[in-house]
Protein backbone atom coordinates (compact mmCIF):
# COMPACT_ATOMS: atom_id res chain seq x y z
CA UNK A 1 27.06 -79.64 26.25
CA UNK A 2 27.08 -76.88 23.68
CA UNK A 3 30.00 -76.26 21.40
CA UNK A 4 29.95 -72.64 22.57
CA UNK A 5 31.01 -71.17 25.88
CA UNK A 6 31.96 -68.03 27.72
CA UNK A 7 35.03 -68.27 29.93
CA UNK A 8 35.25 -65.85 32.85
CA UNK A 9 38.64 -65.21 34.42
CA UNK A 10 37.93 -64.46 38.08
CA UNK A 11 41.60 -63.70 38.67
CA UNK A 12 41.23 -60.88 36.13
CA UNK A 13 38.21 -59.59 38.10
CA UNK A 14 40.27 -59.67 41.29
CA UNK A 15 43.17 -57.92 39.55
CA UNK A 16 40.88 -55.18 38.24
CA UNK A 17 39.32 -54.64 41.67
CA UNK A 18 42.75 -54.33 43.27
CA UNK A 19 43.90 -51.86 40.60
CA UNK A 20 40.76 -49.76 40.97
CA UNK A 21 40.98 -49.76 44.77
CA UNK A 22 44.47 -48.32 44.60
CA UNK A 23 43.46 -45.80 41.94
CA UNK A 24 40.48 -44.37 43.84
CA UNK A 25 41.82 -44.58 47.42
CA UNK A 26 40.84 -43.40 49.96
CA UNK A 27 37.35 -43.71 48.46
CA UNK A 28 35.49 -46.95 49.11
CA UNK A 29 35.07 -49.23 46.08
CA UNK A 30 31.63 -50.54 45.11
CA UNK A 31 31.60 -53.22 42.39
CA UNK A 32 28.51 -52.95 40.20
CA UNK A 33 27.19 -56.45 39.42
CA UNK A 34 23.78 -55.68 37.91
CA UNK A 35 22.59 -57.46 34.74
CA UNK A 36 24.09 -60.72 36.01
CA UNK A 37 27.48 -59.09 36.44
CA UNK A 38 27.34 -57.46 32.98
CA UNK A 39 26.84 -60.93 31.53
CA UNK A 40 29.77 -62.44 33.43
CA UNK A 41 27.80 -64.05 36.30
CA UNK A 42 26.81 -61.96 39.31
CA UNK A 43 27.48 -64.46 42.09
CA UNK A 44 30.92 -65.55 40.94
CA UNK A 45 31.98 -61.97 40.16
CA UNK A 46 30.63 -60.69 43.49
CA UNK A 47 32.55 -63.32 45.44
CA UNK A 48 35.75 -62.55 43.53
CA UNK A 49 35.31 -58.79 43.88
CA UNK A 50 34.62 -58.89 47.61
CA UNK A 51 37.54 -61.25 48.20
CA UNK A 52 39.78 -58.79 46.32
CA UNK A 53 38.70 -55.87 48.49
CA UNK A 54 35.50 -54.40 47.09
CA UNK A 55 33.63 -53.10 50.13
CA UNK A 56 30.22 -52.75 48.46
CA UNK A 57 28.22 -54.25 45.63
CA UNK A 58 25.49 -52.59 43.56
CA UNK A 59 22.57 -53.91 41.54
CA UNK A 60 19.64 -52.44 39.63
CA UNK A 61 16.79 -54.65 40.84
CA UNK A 62 15.59 -56.07 44.15
CA UNK A 63 15.58 -59.52 42.51
CA UNK A 64 19.27 -59.15 41.70
CA UNK A 65 20.06 -58.30 45.30
CA UNK A 66 17.97 -61.24 46.52
CA UNK A 67 19.98 -63.65 44.34
CA UNK A 68 23.20 -62.48 45.98
CA UNK A 69 21.77 -62.72 49.49
CA UNK A 70 20.45 -66.23 48.83
CA UNK A 71 23.96 -67.14 47.68
CA UNK A 72 25.27 -66.12 51.10
CA UNK A 73 26.92 -62.84 50.11
CA UNK A 74 26.97 -60.50 53.11
CA UNK A 75 28.56 -57.32 51.71
CA UNK A 76 26.45 -54.15 51.59
CA UNK A 77 24.34 -54.16 48.41
CA UNK A 78 23.13 -50.86 46.96
CA UNK A 79 20.04 -50.55 44.77
CA UNK A 80 20.93 -48.04 42.08
CA UNK A 81 17.33 -47.00 41.36
CA UNK A 82 14.26 -46.65 43.51
CA UNK A 83 12.38 -49.97 43.31
CA UNK A 84 8.70 -50.36 42.64
CA UNK A 85 6.82 -49.33 45.76
CA UNK A 86 5.40 -52.86 46.01
CA UNK A 87 8.96 -54.23 46.17
CA UNK A 88 10.10 -52.14 49.12
CA UNK A 89 9.25 -54.83 51.73
CA UNK A 90 11.44 -57.31 49.84
CA UNK A 91 14.27 -54.77 49.73
CA UNK A 92 14.08 -54.53 53.52
CA UNK A 93 13.84 -58.29 53.93
CA UNK A 94 17.05 -58.83 51.96
CA UNK A 95 18.88 -55.99 53.75
CA UNK A 96 19.47 -53.95 50.61
CA UNK A 97 20.54 -50.32 50.72
CA UNK A 98 17.53 -48.69 49.14
CA UNK A 99 17.69 -45.88 46.62
CA UNK A 100 14.92 -43.35 47.34
CA UNK A 101 13.96 -40.24 45.42
CA UNK A 102 10.42 -39.53 46.60
CA UNK A 103 8.64 -38.79 49.86
CA UNK A 104 6.12 -41.56 49.08
CA UNK A 105 8.89 -44.14 48.84
CA UNK A 106 10.36 -42.95 52.14
CA UNK A 107 6.97 -43.32 53.82
CA UNK A 108 6.31 -46.82 52.47
CA UNK A 109 9.88 -47.96 53.13
CA UNK A 110 9.54 -46.84 56.75
CA UNK A 111 6.29 -48.78 57.06
CA UNK A 112 7.93 -51.91 55.66
CA UNK A 113 10.90 -51.56 58.02
CA UNK A 114 8.59 -51.00 60.99
CA UNK A 115 6.54 -54.10 60.14
CA UNK A 116 9.69 -56.23 59.92
CA UNK A 117 11.33 -54.68 62.98
CA UNK A 118 14.34 -53.55 60.97
CA UNK A 119 16.26 -50.38 60.19
CA UNK A 120 16.27 -49.54 56.48
CA UNK A 121 19.31 -47.71 55.16
CA UNK A 122 18.54 -45.14 52.49
CA UNK A 123 20.58 -43.59 49.70
CA UNK A 124 18.96 -40.44 48.33
CA UNK A 125 19.41 -40.16 44.57
CA UNK A 126 19.63 -36.65 43.10
CA UNK A 127 19.08 -35.99 39.39
CA UNK A 128 21.71 -33.42 38.50
CA UNK A 129 21.04 -33.41 34.77
CA UNK A 130 20.87 -36.89 33.31
CA UNK A 131 17.06 -36.74 33.52
CA UNK A 132 16.62 -40.44 34.07
CA UNK A 133 15.75 -41.01 37.75
CA UNK A 134 16.31 -39.08 40.94
CA UNK A 135 14.87 -36.19 42.90
CA UNK A 136 15.30 -32.69 41.49
CA UNK A 137 17.97 -30.70 43.36
CA UNK A 138 15.32 -28.19 44.51
CA UNK A 139 13.34 -31.00 46.17
CA UNK A 140 16.23 -33.01 47.62
CA UNK A 141 16.17 -31.34 51.04
CA UNK A 142 12.47 -32.07 51.45
CA UNK A 143 12.90 -35.78 50.71
CA UNK A 144 15.96 -35.94 52.97
CA UNK A 145 13.86 -34.48 55.79
CA UNK A 146 11.21 -37.13 55.20
CA UNK A 147 13.89 -39.78 55.64
CA UNK A 148 15.43 -38.10 58.69
CA UNK A 149 12.20 -37.77 60.61
CA UNK A 150 11.42 -41.48 60.46
CA UNK A 151 13.15 -43.61 63.12
CA UNK A 152 12.91 -46.71 60.93
CA UNK A 153 15.15 -45.09 58.30
CA UNK A 154 18.80 -44.05 58.22
CA UNK A 155 20.12 -41.68 55.58
CA UNK A 156 23.28 -43.60 54.76
CA UNK A 157 24.18 -41.87 51.51
CA UNK A 158 23.39 -39.23 48.91
CA UNK A 159 24.35 -39.80 45.28
CA UNK A 160 23.99 -38.80 41.66
CA UNK A 161 25.02 -40.17 38.28
CA UNK A 162 27.09 -38.49 35.58
CA UNK A 163 25.83 -38.54 32.00
CA UNK A 164 28.95 -37.68 29.97
CA UNK A 165 31.87 -38.61 32.20
CA UNK A 166 33.28 -40.77 29.39
CA UNK A 167 33.81 -37.57 27.37
CA UNK A 168 36.83 -36.05 29.14
CA UNK A 169 36.51 -32.59 27.56
CA UNK A 170 32.78 -32.20 28.13
CA UNK A 171 32.21 -29.53 30.81
CA UNK A 172 28.81 -30.92 31.77
CA UNK A 173 30.31 -33.36 34.29
CA UNK A 174 31.63 -30.44 36.33
CA UNK A 175 28.23 -28.77 36.06
CA UNK A 176 26.61 -31.89 37.46
CA UNK A 177 29.11 -32.09 40.30
CA UNK A 178 28.50 -28.41 41.08
CA UNK A 179 24.76 -29.10 41.35
CA UNK A 180 25.42 -32.13 43.51
CA UNK A 181 27.67 -30.21 45.87
CA UNK A 182 25.04 -27.46 46.12
CA UNK A 183 22.59 -30.09 47.38
CA UNK A 184 25.18 -31.34 49.87
CA UNK A 185 25.64 -27.76 51.11
CA UNK A 186 21.87 -27.41 51.56
CA UNK A 187 21.76 -30.58 53.63
CA UNK A 188 24.67 -29.40 55.76
CA UNK A 189 22.99 -26.05 56.40
CA UNK A 190 19.89 -27.94 57.54
CA UNK A 191 21.97 -30.07 59.91
CA UNK A 192 21.55 -33.26 57.87
CA UNK A 193 24.57 -35.48 57.34
CA UNK A 194 24.62 -36.97 53.83
CA UNK A 195 26.52 -40.05 54.97
CA UNK A 196 28.37 -41.51 52.01
CA UNK A 197 28.60 -39.08 49.09
CA UNK A 198 28.98 -40.75 45.72
CA UNK A 199 28.79 -39.73 42.09
CA UNK A 200 31.50 -41.69 40.28
CA UNK A 201 30.95 -44.49 37.84
CA UNK A 202 34.02 -45.98 36.14
CA UNK A 203 34.49 -43.04 33.78
CA UNK A 204 34.01 -40.40 36.46
CA UNK A 205 36.46 -42.14 38.77
CA UNK A 206 39.12 -42.34 36.07
CA UNK A 207 38.71 -38.96 34.35
CA UNK A 208 37.25 -36.71 37.07
CA UNK A 209 38.95 -37.40 40.43
CA UNK A 210 36.88 -34.59 41.94
CA UNK A 211 33.81 -36.84 41.66
CA UNK A 212 35.19 -39.74 43.69
CA UNK A 213 33.93 -38.38 47.05
CA UNK A 214 33.48 -41.20 49.60
CA UNK A 215 32.50 -44.13 47.37
CA UNK A 216 33.12 -45.08 43.73
CA UNK A 217 30.65 -47.28 41.82
CA UNK A 218 32.87 -49.17 39.39
CA UNK A 219 30.98 -51.13 36.77
CA UNK A 220 32.46 -51.91 33.38
CA UNK A 221 36.04 -51.42 34.58
CA UNK A 222 35.66 -54.30 37.06
CA UNK A 223 35.31 -56.55 34.02
CA UNK A 224 38.46 -55.15 32.39
CA UNK A 225 36.69 -53.10 29.74
CA UNK A 226 37.37 -49.35 29.49
CA UNK A 227 34.28 -47.13 29.84
CA UNK A 228 35.15 -45.54 26.50
CA UNK A 229 37.90 -46.14 23.92
CA UNK A 230 41.23 -44.85 25.19
CA UNK A 231 40.16 -44.44 28.81
CA UNK A 232 41.93 -46.38 31.57
CA UNK A 233 44.71 -47.71 29.32
CA UNK A 234 47.27 -46.73 31.94
CA UNK A 235 45.55 -48.79 34.65
CA UNK A 236 46.37 -52.15 33.08
CA UNK A 237 42.89 -53.62 33.41
CA UNK A 238 42.47 -57.20 32.18
CA UNK A 239 39.39 -58.35 30.22
CA UNK A 240 37.63 -61.06 32.18
CA UNK A 241 35.45 -62.66 29.52
CA UNK A 242 36.16 -64.61 26.36
CA UNK A 243 33.58 -66.12 24.01
CA UNK A 244 34.48 -69.32 22.18
CA UNK A 245 32.89 -71.99 20.00
CA UNK A 246 33.89 -74.88 17.75
CA UNK A 247 33.65 -75.44 14.02
CA UNK A 248 30.64 -77.68 13.37
CA UNK A 249 30.87 -78.08 9.58
CA UNK A 250 33.39 -77.38 6.83
CA UNK A 251 32.60 -77.15 3.13
CA UNK A 252 34.25 -75.91 -0.03
CA UNK A 253 32.09 -73.24 -1.69
CA UNK A 254 32.61 -72.18 -5.34
CA UNK A 255 33.00 -68.56 -6.42
CA UNK A 256 29.74 -66.68 -6.89
CA UNK A 257 27.72 -68.60 -4.29
CA UNK A 258 25.54 -66.77 -1.77
CA UNK A 259 25.95 -67.25 1.95
CA UNK A 260 23.32 -67.11 4.74
CA UNK A 261 19.84 -65.58 4.75
CA UNK A 262 19.20 -63.14 1.96
CA UNK A 263 22.40 -64.30 0.22
CA UNK A 264 23.81 -60.89 1.09
CA UNK A 265 27.37 -62.14 0.70
CA UNK A 266 28.64 -63.71 -2.52
CA UNK A 267 31.96 -65.54 -2.59
CA UNK A 268 34.50 -63.85 -4.83
CA UNK A 269 36.57 -67.02 -5.25
CA UNK A 270 36.47 -70.67 -4.32
CA UNK A 271 36.81 -70.74 -0.56
CA UNK A 272 36.49 -72.91 2.54
CA UNK A 273 33.50 -71.95 4.66
CA UNK A 274 33.30 -73.05 8.31
CA UNK A 275 29.97 -73.09 10.13
CA UNK A 276 30.05 -72.14 13.82
CA UNK A 277 27.11 -73.07 16.11
CA UNK A 278 26.49 -69.73 17.80
CA UNK A 279 24.20 -66.93 16.66
CA UNK A 280 22.12 -63.92 17.49
CA UNK A 281 20.05 -65.87 20.03
CA UNK A 282 23.32 -66.17 21.96
CA UNK A 283 24.21 -62.49 21.68
CA UNK A 284 26.21 -62.36 18.43
CA UNK A 285 24.51 -59.46 16.61
CA UNK A 286 22.85 -60.39 13.33
CA UNK A 287 24.68 -57.69 11.39
CA UNK A 288 28.15 -58.27 12.84
CA UNK A 289 29.42 -59.95 9.68
CA UNK A 290 27.93 -57.30 7.41
CA UNK A 291 29.70 -54.67 9.52
CA UNK A 292 33.10 -56.32 9.05
CA UNK A 293 33.22 -58.59 12.09
CA UNK A 294 35.85 -61.32 12.32
CA UNK A 295 36.54 -64.37 14.46
CA UNK A 296 39.81 -66.19 15.12
CA UNK A 297 40.45 -69.67 13.74
CA UNK A 298 43.91 -71.18 13.69
CA UNK A 299 45.41 -68.00 15.07
CA UNK A 300 44.18 -65.89 12.14
CA UNK A 301 41.38 -63.38 11.71
CA UNK A 302 38.55 -64.79 9.59
CA UNK A 303 35.65 -62.68 8.29
CA UNK A 304 32.08 -63.61 9.18
CA UNK A 305 30.13 -64.12 5.95
CA UNK A 306 26.68 -62.60 5.48
CA UNK A 307 24.18 -62.23 8.28
CA UNK A 308 24.55 -64.10 11.56
CA UNK A 309 21.61 -66.50 11.94
CA UNK A 310 19.79 -67.35 15.14
CA UNK A 311 21.96 -70.34 16.03
CA UNK A 312 24.87 -70.31 13.59
CA UNK A 313 27.26 -68.17 11.61
CA UNK A 314 29.59 -68.82 8.69
CA UNK A 315 33.26 -67.91 8.41
CA UNK A 316 35.55 -67.52 5.39
CA UNK A 317 38.69 -69.61 5.92
CA UNK A 318 40.13 -69.19 2.42
CA UNK A 319 42.39 -72.05 1.39
CA UNK A 320 43.54 -72.92 4.91
CA UNK A 321 42.90 -76.33 6.40
CA UNK A 322 40.08 -76.21 8.95
CA UNK A 323 38.44 -79.18 10.66
CA UNK A 324 35.28 -79.86 12.62
CA UNK A 325 36.04 -79.24 16.30
CA UNK A 326 38.61 -76.50 15.71
CA UNK A 327 38.39 -73.67 18.23
CA UNK A 328 36.73 -70.43 17.15
CA UNK A 329 37.32 -67.32 19.26
CA UNK A 330 34.68 -64.62 18.94
CA UNK A 331 35.94 -62.47 21.84
CA UNK A 332 39.36 -63.09 23.30
CA UNK A 333 42.83 -64.17 22.23
CA UNK A 334 44.15 -66.94 20.01
CA UNK A 335 47.84 -67.00 19.20
CA UNK A 336 49.00 -63.43 18.67
CA UNK A 337 45.57 -62.17 17.58
CA UNK A 338 42.75 -60.73 19.67
CA UNK A 339 39.14 -59.73 19.15
CA UNK A 340 37.67 -57.50 21.85
CA UNK A 341 34.21 -56.43 22.92
CA UNK A 342 35.31 -52.88 22.11
CA UNK A 343 36.01 -53.98 18.51
CA UNK A 344 32.46 -55.33 18.17
CA UNK A 345 31.13 -52.11 19.66
CA UNK A 346 33.04 -49.92 17.19
CA UNK A 347 31.79 -51.95 14.23
CA UNK A 348 28.19 -51.86 15.46
CA UNK A 349 28.12 -48.22 16.62
CA UNK A 350 27.37 -49.19 20.20
CA UNK A 351 29.30 -49.65 23.45
CA UNK A 352 31.11 -52.65 24.88
CA UNK A 353 28.64 -52.73 27.78
CA UNK A 354 25.90 -53.82 25.36
CA UNK A 355 28.14 -56.45 23.80
CA UNK A 356 28.96 -58.33 27.01
CA UNK A 357 25.51 -57.86 28.56
CA UNK A 358 24.00 -59.31 25.41
CA UNK A 359 25.69 -62.70 25.65
CA UNK A 360 22.66 -64.86 26.32
CA UNK A 361 21.88 -67.36 29.08
CA UNK A 362 22.08 -70.39 26.79
CA UNK A 363 25.82 -69.81 26.50
CA UNK A 364 27.28 -71.68 29.51
CA UNK A 365 29.76 -69.75 31.66
CA UNK A 366 32.92 -71.47 32.84
CA UNK A 367 34.78 -69.83 35.71
CA UNK A 368 38.52 -69.93 36.33
CA UNK A 369 39.32 -70.68 39.08
CA UNK A 370 36.07 -72.45 39.91
CA UNK A 371 33.81 -70.49 42.31
CA UNK A 372 32.29 -72.02 45.41
CA UNK A 373 28.87 -72.56 43.84
CA UNK A 374 27.23 -72.75 40.41
CA UNK A 375 25.10 -69.96 39.01
CA UNK A 376 21.62 -70.58 40.47
CA UNK A 377 19.62 -69.11 37.59
CA UNK A 378 21.24 -71.44 35.04
CA UNK A 379 21.32 -74.57 37.18
CA UNK A 380 24.42 -76.64 37.89
CA UNK A 381 27.17 -76.02 35.37
CA UNK A 382 30.53 -77.74 35.09
CA UNK A 383 33.29 -75.47 36.36
CA UNK A 384 36.87 -75.86 35.37
CA UNK A 385 39.90 -74.80 37.35
């Protein structure tokens, strides 16, 4: 067993889902569990979210949906992007709600559904200005007609994605919603029901109630992390993940000594340096210490010294007594102190999404309370209640 671990509080996930359900009602809540549940563990998070009232789940890849189905999860699962055309038969086989934004995909999806004797449910994705994926608004009606005319397909939803919803004063979100509603009007004039209309990610749902429509796709907020600093503070979301390790070595280092690769940090005084067996291969960014990152040891904030190495990092503990085996908190609480994923993000000029998604697979996840099954991609893991 490694002396490093990520603890995932499934009761916090359930709490966040319940809070979000109340906040967005009467819209349906879809918990986004792509990227292995934003690094938290997709199966365990999905089970907790559905038990707490999430009606839908969403993933990015067919493989991610297949993992959930093989785990016995029955909730509707939405693919957020159109899969590779070669993967459409698998999407049908695993009863995934398929994102489509081209006539070719509609044709091949219908053929796959026909071959398997199934009905494939389609969500038409419209690009209203993010310029990532989706059909152009001018072409949306044509693709919708391609879906409608095929008996093997059902147009279950029409959706878009907002690019700057985490910037409350940016008018572009309303522009996107205007474009989206124009597409919905076109479909209505053509006699086509859009089914479920959805545009809201976490930020849109919180800041732009207009964009909630029929379904809200809540991602980062399910994990208790605000979509941007200052957003969602009033909701009382609870962070679900903490990252911990143990001190593996303690040494007294004289003033003027260099620390870590490149010796980019020099001790200013005699100090106690603790080595911690976790590094950038586990998702702790190499430059976190150089950017001012700290960990918690003995209930106090301790600066990371020099660059984080692949498997280890060093911490300045001053003149305090520290012993091998002492707990080190990289993300989470210890005593009255706390280090958050948002703090890492601010230091590294990134977002908290990248921080939690970056915690690598060789860091074992422990779930509280224990889920019904271990994470299949990591093999059996000990789970603690």
